[in-house]
Amino acid sequence: MHKSIKYMLVASLVIASISVQANKDFYLDDSHNINNLPANQPNETQLIVDLGWDSKYVSEGRNNLDLGGITWGTLAVQQGNLNMYATGGRADSQDYTEWNLGVEYSISLSDTVEANLGYQRLEFYGDERCSDNELFGDLAYQAQTWLIPTLSYTYSTQAGGYFLEVSIHSPWQLSQGLTVTPYVSQAFDFQYASEEHNGVNHFQLGIEAECLISDRLALSGHFSRTLAQEDIKLEARADGNEASLDQTYAGIHLIWSL
């Protein structure tokens, strides 16, 4: 099981960066999907602190915890297009801790297309002790200010497989500093989350809200729903799991940019 929080972190970095540049176009992805980082000025350095909580720990369309939710804390440094981060997560109702260390570089291919490439190291502590290395990348196209399709890719060295997601986000600024973003996402698993099955993994939809409290402080939240597809269903059937495989969860984050 590969429980990466990279996508949540990237979304937090987006809000934090934009809280300093409130007049810049942006979108926020959900907690488990990719997002492109806005580029800073070449010599500008930002320190970003993010505290958050999710009612469930859902990634790859699966709930990774038997009980309760999870609290996250992130410290990130953003220098121009380069972002380095350290994130810790701790379950609130069972023995589980996770640490992520990563680096990501964003590339502007045109006025409407951005790409990101990165690496992260994952360490898991709980009933089982394990670790993983991931290589990831994404491509985002801002077709309109209200329409942003994204393609993301993650490769796990431990699993020897990869995970693909195709997403569409539609950000709408309801008032100064308040943006609401509905989204849909289709995911495909190729020996990343499950070794025995490949193909369609899950469909996800939800809505996010971002509020800039001040130039350096932002509050974000999301409500998300995942619908299990063939990869998850086949895995559950092989494990004898007859419980509901769809997931509904929410989260909230407070981000400081220094």
C-alpha atoms as a PDB file:
ATOM      1  CA  MET A   1       0.000   0.000   0.000  1.00  0.00           C
ATOM      2  CA  HIS A   2       1.432   3.352  -1.026  1.00  0.00           C
ATOM      3  CA  LYS A   3      -0.012   6.182   0.999  1.00  0.00           C
ATOM      4  CA  SER A   4       1.408   9.316  -0.578  1.00  0.00           C
ATOM      5  CA  ILE A   5       0.357  12.792   0.591  1.00  0.00           C
ATOM      6  CA  LYS A   6       2.250  14.634  -2.147  1.00  0.00           C
ATOM      7  CA  TYR A   7      -0.938  15.928  -3.729  1.00  0.00           C
ATOM      8  CA  MET A   8      -2.286  17.396  -0.543  1.00  0.00           C
ATOM      9  CA  LEU A   9       1.025  19.153   0.084  1.00  0.00           C
ATOM     10  CA  VAL A  10       1.144  20.638  -3.387  1.00  0.00           C
ATOM     11  CA  ALA A  11      -2.374  21.989  -2.989  1.00  0.00           C
ATOM     12  CA  SER A  12      -1.336  23.627   0.274  1.00  0.00           C
ATOM     13  CA  LEU A  13       1.676  25.216  -1.383  1.00  0.00           C
ATOM     14  CA  VAL A  14      -0.578  26.686  -4.029  1.00  0.00           C
ATOM     15  CA  ILE A  15      -2.756  28.439  -1.465  1.00  0.00           C
ATOM     16  CA  ALA A  16       0.205  29.639   0.571  1.00  0.00           C
ATOM     17  CA  SER A  17       1.957  31.086  -2.457  1.00  0.00           C
ATOM     18  CA  ILE A  18      -1.174  32.763  -3.705  1.00  0.00           C
ATOM     19  CA  SER A  19      -1.962  34.233  -0.297  1.00  0.00           C
ATOM     20  CA  VAL A  20       1.045  36.467  -0.876  1.00  0.00           C
ATOM     21  CA  GLN A  21      -0.017  37.240  -4.458  1.00  0.00           C
ATOM     22  CA  ALA A  22      -3.782  37.439  -4.045  1.00  0.00           C
ATOM     23  CA  ASN A  23      -4.396  38.921  -7.473  1.00  0.00           C
ATOM     24  CA  LYS A  24      -2.929  35.928  -9.351  1.00  0.00           C
ATOM     25  CA  ASP A  25      -5.078  33.279 -11.092  1.00  0.00           C
ATOM     26  CA  PHE A  26      -4.930  29.890  -9.377  1.00  0.00           C
ATOM     27  CA  TYR A  27      -6.740  26.690  -8.606  1.00  0.00           C
ATOM     28  CA  LEU A  28      -6.595  24.260  -5.722  1.00  0.00           C
ATOM     29  CA  ASP A  29      -6.667  20.550  -6.222  1.00  0.00           C
ATOM     30  CA  ASP A  30      -8.256  18.062  -3.873  1.00  0.00           C
ATOM     31  CA  SER A  31      -6.230  16.418  -1.133  1.00  0.00           C
ATOM     32  CA  HIS A  32      -5.208  13.468  -3.254  1.00  0.00           C
ATOM     33  CA  ASN A  33      -4.661  14.822  -6.699  1.00  0.00           C
ATOM     34  CA  ILE A  34      -1.965  16.749  -8.497  1.00  0.00           C
ATOM     35  CA  ASN A  35      -1.670  20.503  -8.843  1.00  0.00           C
ATOM     36  CA  ASN A  36       0.930  22.755 -10.432  1.00  0.00           C
ATOM     37  CA  LEU A  37       2.801  25.219  -8.280  1.00  0.00           C
ATOM     38  CA  PRO A  38       2.859  28.915  -9.190  1.00  0.00           C
ATOM     39  CA  ALA A  39       6.367  30.123  -9.939  1.00  0.00           C
ATOM     40  CA  ASN A  40       7.962  32.650  -7.614  1.00  0.00           C
ATOM     41  CA  GLN A  41      10.275  35.410  -8.734  1.00  0.00           C
ATOM     42  CA  PRO A  42      13.765  33.934  -9.380  1.00  0.00           C
ATOM     43  CA  ASN A  43      15.298  35.270  -6.167  1.00  0.00           C
ATOM     44  CA  GLU A  44      12.232  34.994  -3.954  1.00  0.00           C
ATOM     45  CA  THR A  45      12.226  32.467  -1.105  1.00  0.00           C
ATOM     46  CA  GLN A  46       9.137  31.496   0.883  1.00  0.00           C
ATOM     47  CA  LEU A  47       8.763  29.407   4.016  1.00  0.00           C
ATOM     48  CA  ILE A  48       5.412  27.647   4.184  1.00  0.00           C
ATOM     49  CA  VAL A  49       3.824  26.012   7.244  1.00  0.00           C
ATOM     50  CA  ASP A  50       0.684  23.910   6.830  1.00  0.00           C
ATOM     51  CA  LEU A  51      -1.463  22.277   9.527  1.00  0.00           C
ATOM     52  CA  GLY A  52      -4.388  20.123   8.427  1.00  0.00           C
ATOM     53  CA  TRP A  53      -6.809  17.337   9.274  1.00  0.00           C
ATOM     54  CA  ASP A  54      -8.719  14.825   7.121  1.00  0.00           C
ATOM     55  CA  SER A  55     -11.717  12.858   8.404  1.00  0.00           C
ATOM     56  CA  LYS A  56     -10.315   9.779   6.593  1.00  0.00           C
ATOM     57  CA  TYR A  57      -6.939   9.022   5.065  1.00  0.00           C
ATOM     58  CA  VAL A  58      -8.004   8.263   1.500  1.00  0.00           C
ATOM     59  CA  SER A  59      -5.499   7.781  -1.324  1.00  0.00           C
ATOM     60  CA  GLU A  60      -5.770   5.817  -4.566  1.00  0.00           C
ATOM     61  CA  GLY A  61      -9.497   5.533  -3.781  1.00  0.00           C
ATOM     62  CA  ARG A  62      -8.837   3.501  -0.614  1.00  0.00           C
ATOM     63  CA  ASN A  63      -9.198   4.318   3.074  1.00  0.00           C
ATOM     64  CA  ASN A  64      -5.764   3.601   4.569  1.00  0.00           C
ATOM     65  CA  LEU A  65      -6.933   3.626   8.206  1.00  0.00           C
ATOM     66  CA  ASP A  66      -9.281   1.299  10.064  1.00  0.00           C
ATOM     67  CA  LEU A  67     -10.444   4.045  12.411  1.00  0.00           C
ATOM     68  CA  GLY A  68     -10.706   7.821  12.451  1.00  0.00           C
ATOM     69  CA  GLY A  69      -8.854  10.502  10.554  1.00  0.00           C
ATOM     70  CA  ILE A  70      -5.350  11.901  10.314  1.00  0.00           C
ATOM     71  CA  THR A  71      -3.573  15.145  11.210  1.00  0.00           C
ATOM     72  CA  TRP A  72      -0.878  16.588   8.916  1.00  0.00           C
ATOM     73  CA  GLY A  73       1.942  19.053   9.450  1.00  0.00           C
ATOM     74  CA  THR A  74       4.146  20.365   6.643  1.00  0.00           C
ATOM     75  CA  LEU A  75       7.199  22.606   6.469  1.00  0.00           C
ATOM     76  CA  ALA A  76       8.208  23.668   2.942  1.00  0.00           C
ATOM     77  CA  VAL A  77      10.725  26.018   1.358  1.00  0.00           C
ATOM     78  CA  GLN A  78       9.971  27.443  -2.070  1.00  0.00           C
ATOM     79  CA  GLN A  79      12.795  29.093  -4.047  1.00  0.00           C
ATOM     80  CA  GLY A  80      11.673  30.202  -7.475  1.00  0.00           C
ATOM     81  CA  ASN A  81      10.454  27.071  -9.269  1.00  0.00           C
ATOM     82  CA  LEU A  82      12.083  24.686  -6.764  1.00  0.00           C
ATOM     83  CA  ASN A  83      10.115  23.364  -3.780  1.00  0.00           C
ATOM     84  CA  MET A  84      11.459  21.233  -0.915  1.00  0.00           C
ATOM     85  CA  TYR A  85       9.198  19.860   1.817  1.00  0.00           C
ATOM     86  CA  ALA A  86       8.936  17.672   4.887  1.00  0.00           C
ATOM     87  CA  THR A  87       5.549  16.365   6.006  1.00  0.00           C
ATOM     88  CA  GLY A  88       4.442  14.338   8.995  1.00  0.00           C
ATOM     89  CA  GLY A  89       1.083  12.640   9.443  1.00  0.00           C
ATOM     90  CA  ARG A  90      -0.356  10.974  12.538  1.00  0.00           C
ATOM     91  CA  ALA A  91      -3.635   9.066  12.836  1.00  0.00           C
ATOM     92  CA  ASP A  92      -5.974  10.288  15.570  1.00  0.00           C
ATOM     93  CA  SER A  93      -7.594   6.926  16.457  1.00  0.00           C
ATOM     94  CA  GLN A  94      -4.926   4.250  15.875  1.00  0.00           C
ATOM     95  CA  ASP A  95      -1.180   3.696  15.828  1.00  0.00           C
ATOM     96  CA  TYR A  96      -0.014   5.097  12.498  1.00  0.00           C
ATOM     97  CA  THR A  97       2.618   7.705  11.600  1.00  0.00           C
ATOM     98  CA  GLU A  98       3.959   8.763   8.215  1.00  0.00           C
ATOM     99  CA  TRP A  99       6.872  10.961   7.114  1.00  0.00           C
ATOM    100  CA  ASN A 100       7.482  12.342   3.626  1.00  0.00           C
ATOM    101  CA  LEU A 101      10.558  14.205   2.335  1.00  0.00           C
ATOM    102  CA  GLY A 102      10.425  15.544  -1.192  1.00  0.00           C
ATOM    103  CA  VAL A 103      11.571  17.975  -3.839  1.00  0.00           C
ATOM    104  CA  GLU A 104       9.656  19.285  -6.850  1.00  0.00           C
ATOM    105  CA  TYR A 105      10.534  21.522  -9.798  1.00  0.00           C
ATOM    106  CA  SER A 106       7.972  23.345 -11.927  1.00  0.00           C
ATOM    107  CA  ILE A 107       8.478  24.229 -15.587  1.00  0.00           C
ATOM    108  CA  SER A 108       6.423  26.740 -17.564  1.00  0.00           C
ATOM    109  CA  LEU A 109       6.094  25.311 -21.081  1.00  0.00           C
ATOM    110  CA  SER A 110       3.876  28.151 -22.327  1.00  0.00           C
ATOM    111  CA  ASP A 111       1.452  30.771 -21.051  1.00  0.00           C
ATOM    112  CA  THR A 112      -1.183  28.069 -20.531  1.00  0.00           C
ATOM    113  CA  VAL A 113       0.808  24.863 -19.909  1.00  0.00           C
ATOM    114  CA  GLU A 114       2.890  23.965 -16.845  1.00  0.00           C
ATOM    115  CA  ALA A 115       4.724  20.780 -15.905  1.00  0.00           C
ATOM    116  CA  ASN A 116       6.112  19.524 -12.589  1.00  0.00           C
ATOM    117  CA  LEU A 117       8.716  16.866 -11.869  1.00  0.00           C
ATOM    118  CA  GLY A 118       9.635  15.547  -8.448  1.00  0.00           C
ATOM    119  CA  TYR A 119      10.847  12.867  -6.061  1.00  0.00           C
ATOM    120  CA  GLN A 120       9.805  11.938  -2.543  1.00  0.00           C
ATOM    121  CA  ARG A 121      10.843   9.481   0.146  1.00  0.00           C
ATOM    122  CA  LEU A 122       8.056   7.946   2.256  1.00  0.00           C
ATOM    123  CA  GLU A 123       8.415   6.302   5.677  1.00  0.00           C
ATOM    124  CA  PHE A 124       5.496   4.469   7.339  1.00  0.00           C
ATOM    125  CA  TYR A 125       5.200   3.450  11.013  1.00  0.00           C
ATOM    126  CA  GLY A 126       2.308   1.402  12.396  1.00  0.00           C
ATOM    127  CA  ASP A 127       1.375  -2.268  12.437  1.00  0.00           C
ATOM    128  CA  GLU A 128       3.964  -2.627   9.679  1.00  0.00           C
ATOM    129  CA  ARG A 129       7.208  -0.681   9.159  1.00  0.00           C
ATOM    130  CA  CYS A 130       7.896   0.106   5.509  1.00  0.00           C
ATOM    131  CA  SER A 131       9.221   2.762   3.143  1.00  0.00           C
ATOM    132  CA  ASP A 132       9.035   3.766  -0.498  1.00  0.00           C
ATOM    133  CA  ASN A 133      10.538   6.070  -3.110  1.00  0.00           C
ATOM    134  CA  GLU A 134       8.318   7.826  -5.624  1.00  0.00           C
ATOM    135  CA  LEU A 135       8.961   9.711  -8.845  1.00  0.00           C
ATOM    136  CA  PHE A 136       6.135  11.927 -10.007  1.00  0.00           C
ATOM    137  CA  GLY A 137       5.186  14.389 -12.703  1.00  0.00           C
ATOM    138  CA  ASP A 138       2.165  16.269 -13.984  1.00  0.00           C
ATOM    139  CA  LEU A 139       1.018  18.385 -16.881  1.00  0.00           C
ATOM    140  CA  ALA A 140      -1.630  21.084 -16.433  1.00  0.00           C
ATOM    141  CA  TYR A 141      -3.350  23.105 -19.168  1.00  0.00           C
ATOM    142  CA  GLN A 142      -5.281  26.256 -18.294  1.00  0.00           C
ATOM    143  CA  ALA A 143      -7.784  26.179 -21.141  1.00  0.00           C
ATOM    144  CA  GLN A 144      -9.814  28.941 -19.472  1.00  0.00           C
ATOM    145  CA  THR A 145      -9.624  30.564 -16.042  1.00  0.00           C
ATOM    146  CA  TRP A 146     -12.572  28.312 -15.083  1.00  0.00           C
ATOM    147  CA  LEU A 147     -11.401  25.131 -16.842  1.00  0.00           C
ATOM    148  CA  ILE A 148      -8.105  23.375 -15.982  1.00  0.00           C
ATOM    149  CA  PRO A 149      -7.490  19.777 -17.111  1.00  0.00           C
ATOM    150  CA  THR A 150      -4.532  17.966 -15.535  1.00  0.00           C
ATOM    151  CA  LEU A 151      -2.682  14.697 -16.168  1.00  0.00           C
ATOM    152  CA  SER A 152      -0.576  13.273 -13.322  1.00  0.00           C
ATOM    153  CA  TYR A 153       1.796  10.308 -13.032  1.00  0.00           C
ATOM    154  CA  THR A 154       3.385   8.634  -9.990  1.00  0.00           C
ATOM    155  CA  TYR A 155       5.866   5.735 -10.049  1.00  0.00           C
ATOM    156  CA  SER A 156       6.643   3.624  -6.958  1.00  0.00           C
ATOM    157  CA  THR A 157      10.011   1.867  -6.760  1.00  0.00           C
ATOM    158  CA  GLN A 158       8.706  -0.515  -4.090  1.00  0.00           C
ATOM    159  CA  ALA A 159       5.710  -1.649  -6.129  1.00  0.00           C
ATOM    160  CA  GLY A 160       7.415  -1.319  -9.497  1.00  0.00           C
ATOM    161  CA  GLY A 161       4.210   0.221 -10.847  1.00  0.00           C
ATOM    162  CA  TYR A 162       2.597   3.542 -11.636  1.00  0.00           C
ATOM    163  CA  PHE A 163      -0.629   5.454 -11.053  1.00  0.00           C
ATOM    164  CA  LEU A 164      -2.331   7.835 -13.511  1.00  0.00           C
ATOM    165  CA  GLU A 165      -4.994  10.460 -12.875  1.00  0.00           C
ATOM    166  CA  VAL A 166      -6.880  12.681 -15.307  1.00  0.00           C
ATOM    167  CA  SER A 167      -8.623  15.603 -13.610  1.00  0.00           C
ATOM    168  CA  ILE A 168     -10.708  18.637 -14.495  1.00  0.00           C
ATOM    169  CA  HIS A 169     -11.027  21.571 -12.088  1.00  0.00           C
ATOM    170  CA  SER A 170     -13.299  24.579 -12.410  1.00  0.00           C
ATOM    171  CA  PRO A 171     -12.349  27.427 -10.021  1.00  0.00           C
ATOM    172  CA  TRP A 172     -14.829  30.237  -9.420  1.00  0.00           C
ATOM    173  CA  GLN A 173     -14.026  33.366  -7.418  1.00  0.00           C
ATOM    174  CA  LEU A 174     -17.183  34.164  -5.480  1.00  0.00           C
ATOM    175  CA  SER A 175     -15.751  37.228  -3.752  1.00  0.00           C
ATOM    176  CA  GLN A 176     -12.400  38.846  -3.028  1.00  0.00           C
ATOM    177  CA  GLY A 177     -10.238  36.133  -1.462  1.00  0.00           C
ATOM    178  CA  LEU A 178     -12.887  33.380  -1.647  1.00  0.00           C
ATOM    179  CA  THR A 179     -12.712  30.722  -4.381  1.00  0.00           C
ATOM    180  CA  VAL A 180     -14.814  27.572  -4.793  1.00  0.00           C
ATOM    181  CA  THR A 181     -13.561  24.779  -7.071  1.00  0.00           C
ATOM    182  CA  PRO A 182     -15.629  21.754  -8.112  1.00  0.00           C
ATOM    183  CA  TYR A 183     -13.622  18.940  -9.674  1.00  0.00           C
ATOM    184  CA  VAL A 184     -13.810  15.445 -11.177  1.00  0.00           C
ATOM    185  CA  SER A 185     -10.999  12.902 -11.518  1.00  0.00           C
ATOM    186  CA  GLN A 186     -10.534   9.504 -13.167  1.00  0.00           C
ATOM    187  CA  ALA A 187      -7.713   7.269 -11.881  1.00  0.00           C
ATOM    188  CA  PHE A 188      -5.926   4.249 -13.372  1.00  0.00           C
ATOM    189  CA  ASP A 189      -3.740   1.789 -11.456  1.00  0.00           C
ATOM    190  CA  PHE A 190      -0.894  -0.240 -12.996  1.00  0.00           C
ATOM    191  CA  GLN A 191       0.686  -2.363 -10.218  1.00  0.00           C
ATOM    192  CA  TYR A 192       0.927   0.682  -7.935  1.00  0.00           C
ATOM    193  CA  ALA A 193      -1.883   0.224  -5.405  1.00  0.00           C
ATOM    194  CA  SER A 194      -2.529  -3.447  -6.231  1.00  0.00           C
ATOM    195  CA  GLU A 195      -0.143  -5.898  -7.862  1.00  0.00           C
ATOM    196  CA  GLU A 196      -2.686  -8.350  -9.291  1.00  0.00           C
ATOM    197  CA  HIS A 197      -5.005  -5.979 -11.147  1.00  0.00           C
ATOM    198  CA  ASN A 198      -4.503  -3.179 -13.680  1.00  0.00           C
ATOM    199  CA  GLY A 199      -6.870  -0.652 -15.239  1.00  0.00           C
ATOM    200  CA  VAL A 200      -9.559   1.737 -14.046  1.00  0.00           C
ATOM    201  CA  ASN A 201      -9.194   2.310 -10.299  1.00  0.00           C
ATOM    202  CA  HIS A 202     -11.702   4.899  -9.103  1.00  0.00           C
ATOM    203  CA  PHE A 203     -13.685   7.974 -10.065  1.00  0.00           C
ATOM    204  CA  GLN A 204     -13.614  10.960  -7.715  1.00  0.00           C
ATOM    205  CA  LEU A 205     -15.591  14.174  -7.460  1.00  0.00           C
ATOM    206  CA  GLY A 206     -15.823  16.923  -4.914  1.00  0.00           C
ATOM    207  CA  ILE A 207     -15.666  20.578  -4.116  1.00  0.00           C
ATOM    208  CA  GLU A 208     -13.005  22.743  -2.500  1.00  0.00           C
ATOM    209  CA  ALA A 209     -13.114  26.185  -0.943  1.00  0.00           C
ATOM    210  CA  GLU A 210     -10.206  28.545  -0.324  1.00  0.00           C
ATOM    211  CA  CYS A 211     -10.339  31.689   1.774  1.00  0.00           C
ATOM    212  CA  LEU A 212      -7.469  34.180   2.086  1.00  0.00           C
ATOM    213  CA  ILE A 213      -7.626  35.449   5.658  1.00  0.00           C
ATOM    214  CA  SER A 214      -4.688  37.815   5.144  1.00  0.00           C
ATOM    215  CA  ASP A 215      -1.747  38.256   2.785  1.00  0.00           C
ATOM    216  CA  ARG A 216       0.097  35.453   4.592  1.00  0.00           C
ATOM    217  CA  LEU A 217      -2.670  33.274   6.022  1.00  0.00           C
ATOM    218  CA  ALA A 218      -5.126  31.044   4.153  1.00  0.00           C
ATOM    219  CA  LEU A 219      -7.828  28.558   5.129  1.00  0.00           C
ATOM    220  CA  SER A 220      -8.913  25.758   2.809  1.00  0.00           C
ATOM    221  CA  GLY A 221     -11.341  22.879   2.985  1.00  0.00           C
ATOM    222  CA  HIS A 222     -12.659  20.087   0.793  1.00  0.00           C
ATOM    223  CA  PHE A 223     -15.509  17.590   0.603  1.00  0.00           C
ATOM    224  CA  SER A 224     -14.769  14.562  -1.580  1.00  0.00           C
ATOM    225  CA  ARG A 225     -16.426  11.361  -2.764  1.00  0.00           C
ATOM    226  CA  THR A 226     -14.680   8.394  -4.417  1.00  0.00           C
ATOM    227  CA  LEU A 227     -16.489   5.693  -6.401  1.00  0.00           C
ATOM    228  CA  ALA A 228     -14.673   2.351  -6.540  1.00  0.00           C
ATOM    229  CA  GLN A 229     -14.048   0.829  -9.945  1.00  0.00           C
ATOM    230  CA  GLU A 230     -12.728  -2.491 -11.236  1.00  0.00           C
ATOM    231  CA  ASP A 231      -9.213  -2.430  -9.732  1.00  0.00           C
ATOM    232  CA  ILE A 232     -10.493  -1.731  -6.207  1.00  0.00           C
ATOM    233  CA  LYS A 233     -13.420  -4.166  -6.577  1.00  0.00           C
ATOM    234  CA  LEU A 234     -11.216  -7.036  -7.753  1.00  0.00           C
ATOM    235  CA  GLU A 235      -8.752  -6.425  -4.926  1.00  0.00           C
ATOM    236  CA  ALA A 236     -11.549  -6.350  -2.339  1.00  0.00           C
ATOM    237  CA  ARG A 237     -13.111  -9.513  -3.759  1.00  0.00           C
ATOM    238  CA  ALA A 238      -9.780 -11.348  -3.528  1.00  0.00           C
ATOM    239  CA  ASP A 239      -9.447 -10.226   0.116  1.00  0.00           C
ATOM    240  CA  GLY A 240     -13.012 -11.289   0.947  1.00  0.00           C
ATOM    241  CA  ASN A 241     -14.042  -7.712   1.669  1.00  0.00           C
ATOM    242  CA  GLU A 242     -17.768  -7.196   1.154  1.00  0.00           C
ATOM    243  CA  ALA A 243     -18.002  -3.759   2.808  1.00  0.00           C
ATOM    244  CA  SER A 244     -18.815  -0.600   0.889  1.00  0.00           C
ATOM    245  CA  LEU A 245     -15.807   0.435  -1.199  1.00  0.00           C
ATOM    246  CA  ASP A 246     -16.888   4.020  -1.917  1.00  0.00           C
ATOM    247  CA  GLN A 247     -15.420   6.729   0.325  1.00  0.00           C
ATOM    248  CA  THR A 248     -16.811  10.062   1.529  1.00  0.00           C
ATOM    249  CA  TYR A 249     -14.508  12.358   3.493  1.00  0.00           C
ATOM    250  CA  ALA A 250     -13.597  15.975   4.192  1.00  0.00           C
ATOM    251  CA  GLY A 251     -10.606  17.992   5.329  1.00  0.00           C
ATOM    252  CA  ILE A 252      -9.449  21.417   6.441  1.00  0.00           C
ATOM    253  CA  HIS A 253      -6.051  23.155   6.290  1.00  0.00           C
ATOM    254  CA  LEU A 254      -4.535  26.330   7.700  1.00  0.00           C
ATOM    255  CA  ILE A 255      -1.495  27.618   5.813  1.00  0.00           C
ATOM    256  CA  TRP A 256       1.027  30.313   6.719  1.00  0.00           C
ATOM    257  CA  SER A 257       3.428  31.795   4.180  1.00  0.00           C
ATOM    258  CA  LEU A 258       6.447  33.538   5.727  1.00  0.00           C
END
